[in-house]
Amino acid sequence: FVSMALTYYTLYMINPNWFQVNDISLNTVGQKLFEFIYLTFSILTTYSSGVIVLTGIIPRIFQIFHTIIALTVLAKTLSLIFNKKE
């Protein structure tokens, strides 16, 4: 989870134009890290956090892989939990 947030943050540091930041100033590293952790959580539950929107193709491709990996891990975990009860 944190590694995914750090990847988004790294992509932001490589090219800030790949992200649209709305209604918040990202002045400190702590603020940036929190917002990217929040973005990672929001992507798993919705599409985006609303504060940071992915506009570049590279972050969007990563978002696809991020969602696939997270849903696969969730499915495997639930499968292990339910198979143990049987």
N, C-alpha and C. Protein backbone atom coordinates (compact mmCIF):
# COMPACT_ATOMS: atom_id res chain seq x y z
N PHE A 1 0.83 -1.19 0.00
CA PHE A 1 0.00 0.00 0.00
C PHE A 1 0.88 1.25 0.00
N VAL A 2 1.82 1.30 0.93
CA VAL A 2 2.71 2.46 1.01
C VAL A 2 3.62 2.52 -0.21
N SER A 3 4.04 1.35 -0.70
CA SER A 3 4.91 1.35 -1.88
C SER A 3 4.17 1.91 -3.10
N MET A 4 2.87 1.65 -3.18
CA MET A 4 2.09 2.21 -4.28
C MET A 4 1.99 3.73 -4.15
N ALA A 5 1.80 4.20 -2.94
CA ALA A 5 1.74 5.64 -2.71
C ALA A 5 3.08 6.29 -3.05
N LEU A 6 4.18 5.63 -2.69
CA LEU A 6 5.50 6.16 -3.00
C LEU A 6 5.75 6.17 -4.51
N THR A 7 5.18 5.21 -5.21
CA THR A 7 5.33 5.20 -6.66
C THR A 7 4.59 6.38 -7.28
N TYR A 8 3.38 6.66 -6.82
CA TYR A 8 2.65 7.84 -7.31
C TYR A 8 3.44 9.11 -6.99
N TYR A 9 3.99 9.18 -5.79
CA TYR A 9 4.77 10.34 -5.40
C TYR A 9 6.01 10.49 -6.30
N THR A 10 6.67 9.37 -6.60
CA THR A 10 7.84 9.41 -7.47
C THR A 10 7.45 9.88 -8.87
N LEU A 11 6.33 9.38 -9.37
CA LEU A 11 5.85 9.84 -10.68
C LEU A 11 5.55 11.34 -10.65
N TYR A 12 5.00 11.81 -9.53
CA TYR A 12 4.73 13.25 -9.38
C TYR A 12 6.03 14.04 -9.39
N MET A 13 7.06 13.52 -8.73
CA MET A 13 8.35 14.23 -8.70
C MET A 13 9.01 14.22 -10.08
N ILE A 14 8.81 13.14 -10.85
CA ILE A 14 9.38 13.08 -12.20
C ILE A 14 8.72 14.10 -13.12
N ASN A 15 7.38 14.15 -13.06
CA ASN A 15 6.66 15.09 -13.92
C ASN A 15 5.36 15.53 -13.24
N PRO A 16 5.37 16.67 -12.57
CA PRO A 16 4.15 17.15 -11.88
C PRO A 16 2.98 17.41 -12.83
N ASN A 17 3.26 17.57 -14.13
CA ASN A 17 2.18 17.81 -15.09
C ASN A 17 1.31 16.59 -15.31
N TRP A 18 1.75 15.41 -14.85
CA TRP A 18 0.95 14.20 -14.96
C TRP A 18 -0.18 14.17 -13.94
N PHE A 19 -0.17 15.13 -13.02
CA PHE A 19 -1.16 15.18 -11.94
C PHE A 19 -1.77 16.58 -11.88
N GLN A 20 -3.05 16.61 -11.63
CA GLN A 20 -3.72 17.88 -11.40
C GLN A 20 -4.04 17.96 -9.92
N VAL A 21 -3.48 18.97 -9.25
CA VAL A 21 -3.69 19.14 -7.81
C VAL A 21 -4.70 20.24 -7.61
N ASN A 22 -5.83 19.91 -6.96
CA ASN A 22 -6.94 20.85 -6.77
C ASN A 22 -7.08 21.25 -5.31
N ASP A 23 -7.28 22.52 -5.07
CA ASP A 23 -7.70 23.05 -3.77
C ASP A 23 -6.78 22.70 -2.61
N ILE A 24 -5.51 22.49 -2.87
CA ILE A 24 -4.58 22.22 -1.78
C ILE A 24 -3.18 22.59 -2.26
N SER A 25 -2.39 23.10 -1.33
CA SER A 25 -1.00 23.38 -1.68
C SER A 25 -0.12 22.29 -1.07
N LEU A 26 0.74 21.75 -1.87
CA LEU A 26 1.64 20.69 -1.41
C LEU A 26 3.01 21.31 -1.16
N ASN A 27 3.14 21.99 0.00
CA ASN A 27 4.37 22.71 0.30
C ASN A 27 5.44 21.85 0.93
N THR A 28 5.05 20.92 1.78
CA THR A 28 6.05 20.11 2.46
C THR A 28 6.00 18.67 1.97
N VAL A 29 7.08 17.95 2.23
CA VAL A 29 7.13 16.54 1.85
C VAL A 29 6.07 15.76 2.61
N GLY A 30 5.84 16.10 3.87
CA GLY A 30 4.81 15.42 4.67
C GLY A 30 3.43 15.57 4.06
N GLN A 31 3.09 16.78 3.62
CA GLN A 31 1.80 17.01 2.97
C GLN A 31 1.68 16.19 1.69
N LYS A 32 2.75 16.17 0.91
CA LYS A 32 2.73 15.42 -0.34
C LYS A 32 2.55 13.93 -0.08
N LEU A 33 3.31 13.39 0.87
CA LEU A 33 3.21 11.97 1.16
C LEU A 33 1.82 11.59 1.66
N PHE A 34 1.26 12.43 2.55
CA PHE A 34 -0.09 12.14 3.04
C PHE A 34 -1.09 12.13 1.89
N GLU A 35 -1.03 13.12 1.02
CA GLU A 35 -1.98 13.21 -0.09
C GLU A 35 -1.83 12.03 -1.04
N PHE A 36 -0.61 11.54 -1.24
CA PHE A 36 -0.44 10.40 -2.14
C PHE A 36 -0.85 9.09 -1.47
N ILE A 37 -0.70 8.99 -0.16
CA ILE A 37 -1.24 7.83 0.56
C ILE A 37 -2.77 7.86 0.48
N TYR A 38 -3.34 9.04 0.67
CA TYR A 38 -4.79 9.18 0.56
C TYR A 38 -5.26 8.87 -0.86
N LEU A 39 -4.51 9.33 -1.86
CA LEU A 39 -4.83 9.04 -3.25
C LEU A 39 -4.84 7.54 -3.50
N THR A 40 -3.83 6.84 -2.97
CA THR A 40 -3.75 5.39 -3.16
C THR A 40 -4.96 4.70 -2.56
N PHE A 41 -5.34 5.08 -1.35
CA PHE A 41 -6.53 4.51 -0.71
C PHE A 41 -7.78 4.83 -1.52
N SER A 42 -7.89 6.06 -1.99
CA SER A 42 -9.08 6.48 -2.74
C SER A 42 -9.20 5.75 -4.06
N ILE A 43 -8.08 5.48 -4.71
CA ILE A 43 -8.12 4.76 -5.98
C ILE A 43 -8.68 3.36 -5.78
N LEU A 44 -8.36 2.74 -4.63
CA LEU A 44 -8.87 1.40 -4.37
C LEU A 44 -10.36 1.39 -4.05
N THR A 45 -10.88 2.50 -3.56
CA THR A 45 -12.30 2.54 -3.19
C THR A 45 -13.16 3.27 -4.20
N THR A 46 -12.58 4.24 -4.90
CA THR A 46 -13.31 4.98 -5.94
C THR A 46 -12.39 5.13 -7.13
N TYR A 47 -12.42 6.26 -7.79
CA TYR A 47 -11.55 6.49 -8.95
C TYR A 47 -10.37 7.37 -8.59
N SER A 48 -10.59 8.39 -7.79
CA SER A 48 -9.54 9.34 -7.45
C SER A 48 -9.92 10.04 -6.16
N SER A 49 -8.97 10.76 -5.59
CA SER A 49 -9.24 11.43 -4.32
C SER A 49 -9.98 12.75 -4.53
N GLY A 50 -9.98 13.27 -5.73
CA GLY A 50 -10.61 14.55 -5.98
C GLY A 50 -9.64 15.69 -5.79
N VAL A 51 -8.70 15.53 -4.86
CA VAL A 51 -7.69 16.55 -4.63
C VAL A 51 -6.56 16.39 -5.65
N ILE A 52 -6.16 15.16 -5.89
CA ILE A 52 -5.14 14.87 -6.89
C ILE A 52 -5.79 14.00 -7.97
N VAL A 53 -5.71 14.47 -9.19
CA VAL A 53 -6.30 13.74 -10.32
C VAL A 53 -5.17 13.34 -11.26
N LEU A 54 -5.19 12.10 -11.71
CA LEU A 54 -4.18 11.62 -12.64
C LEU A 54 -4.53 12.11 -14.03
N THR A 55 -3.62 12.86 -14.66
CA THR A 55 -3.90 13.39 -15.99
C THR A 55 -2.95 12.82 -17.04
N GLY A 56 -1.81 12.30 -16.62
CA GLY A 56 -0.85 11.75 -17.57
C GLY A 56 -1.10 10.28 -17.85
N ILE A 57 -0.60 9.82 -18.99
CA ILE A 57 -0.81 8.44 -19.40
C ILE A 57 -0.03 7.47 -18.52
N ILE A 58 1.16 7.82 -18.10
CA ILE A 58 1.98 6.92 -17.27
C ILE A 58 1.30 6.66 -15.92
N PRO A 59 0.85 7.69 -15.18
CA PRO A 59 0.15 7.42 -13.93
C PRO A 59 -1.15 6.64 -14.13
N ARG A 60 -1.83 6.86 -15.24
CA ARG A 60 -3.07 6.12 -15.50
C ARG A 60 -2.79 4.65 -15.76
N ILE A 61 -1.70 4.36 -16.48
CA ILE A 61 -1.31 2.96 -16.70
C ILE A 61 -0.95 2.32 -15.36
N PHE A 62 -0.20 3.06 -14.53
CA PHE A 62 0.12 2.53 -13.21
C PHE A 62 -1.14 2.29 -12.38
N GLN A 63 -2.13 3.18 -12.52
CA GLN A 63 -3.38 3.01 -11.79
C GLN A 63 -4.07 1.71 -12.18
N ILE A 64 -4.02 1.36 -13.45
CA ILE A 64 -4.62 0.09 -13.90
C ILE A 64 -3.92 -1.08 -13.21
N PHE A 65 -2.59 -1.10 -13.26
CA PHE A 65 -1.84 -2.18 -12.61
C PHE A 65 -2.04 -2.19 -11.10
N HIS A 66 -2.08 -1.02 -10.51
CA HIS A 66 -2.30 -0.88 -9.07
C HIS A 66 -3.63 -1.52 -8.67
N THR A 67 -4.68 -1.23 -9.42
CA THR A 67 -5.99 -1.78 -9.11
C THR A 67 -6.03 -3.29 -9.32
N ILE A 68 -5.43 -3.76 -10.40
CA ILE A 68 -5.40 -5.20 -10.67
C ILE A 68 -4.65 -5.94 -9.56
N ILE A 69 -3.50 -5.42 -9.17
CA ILE A 69 -2.71 -6.06 -8.11
C ILE A 69 -3.48 -6.06 -6.79
N ALA A 70 -4.04 -4.92 -6.44
CA ALA A 70 -4.76 -4.82 -5.16
C ALA A 70 -5.98 -5.75 -5.12
N LEU A 71 -6.73 -5.81 -6.22
CA LEU A 71 -7.91 -6.68 -6.24
C LEU A 71 -7.51 -8.15 -6.25
N THR A 72 -6.40 -8.47 -6.88
CA THR A 72 -5.91 -9.86 -6.87
C THR A 72 -5.50 -10.27 -5.47
N VAL A 73 -4.77 -9.41 -4.78
CA VAL A 73 -4.36 -9.70 -3.40
C VAL A 73 -5.59 -9.84 -2.51
N LEU A 74 -6.57 -8.98 -2.68
CA LEU A 74 -7.80 -9.06 -1.89
C LEU A 74 -8.54 -10.37 -2.17
N ALA A 75 -8.64 -10.74 -3.43
CA ALA A 75 -9.33 -11.98 -3.79
C ALA A 75 -8.61 -13.20 -3.21
N LYS A 76 -7.28 -13.21 -3.30
CA LYS A 76 -6.50 -14.33 -2.74
C LYS A 76 -6.67 -14.40 -1.22
N THR A 77 -6.64 -13.26 -0.58
CA THR A 77 -6.80 -13.22 0.87
C THR A 77 -8.18 -13.74 1.28
N LEU A 78 -9.21 -13.26 0.62
CA LEU A 78 -10.57 -13.74 0.93
C LEU A 78 -10.72 -15.22 0.63
N SER A 79 -10.09 -15.68 -0.42
CA SER A 79 -10.13 -17.10 -0.75
C SER A 79 -9.48 -17.94 0.35
N LEU A 80 -8.36 -17.49 0.85
CA LEU A 80 -7.68 -18.20 1.94
C LEU A 80 -8.54 -18.21 3.21
N ILE A 81 -9.17 -17.09 3.49
CA ILE A 81 -10.01 -16.99 4.69
C ILE A 81 -11.20 -17.93 4.59
N PHE A 82 -11.89 -17.92 3.48
CA PHE A 82 -13.09 -18.74 3.34
C PHE A 82 -12.77 -20.21 3.17
N ASN A 83 -11.65 -20.55 2.57
CA ASN A 83 -11.26 -21.96 2.43
C ASN A 83 -10.80 -22.58 3.74
N LYS A 84 -10.29 -21.76 4.66
CA LYS A 84 -9.90 -22.28 5.96
C LYS A 84 -11.11 -22.69 6.79
N LYS A 85 -12.22 -22.03 6.59
CA LYS A 85 -13.42 -22.34 7.39
C LYS A 85 -14.05 -23.65 6.96
N GLU A 86 -13.76 -24.12 5.78
CA GLU A 86 -14.39 -25.36 5.29
C GLU A 86 -13.72 -26.59 5.80
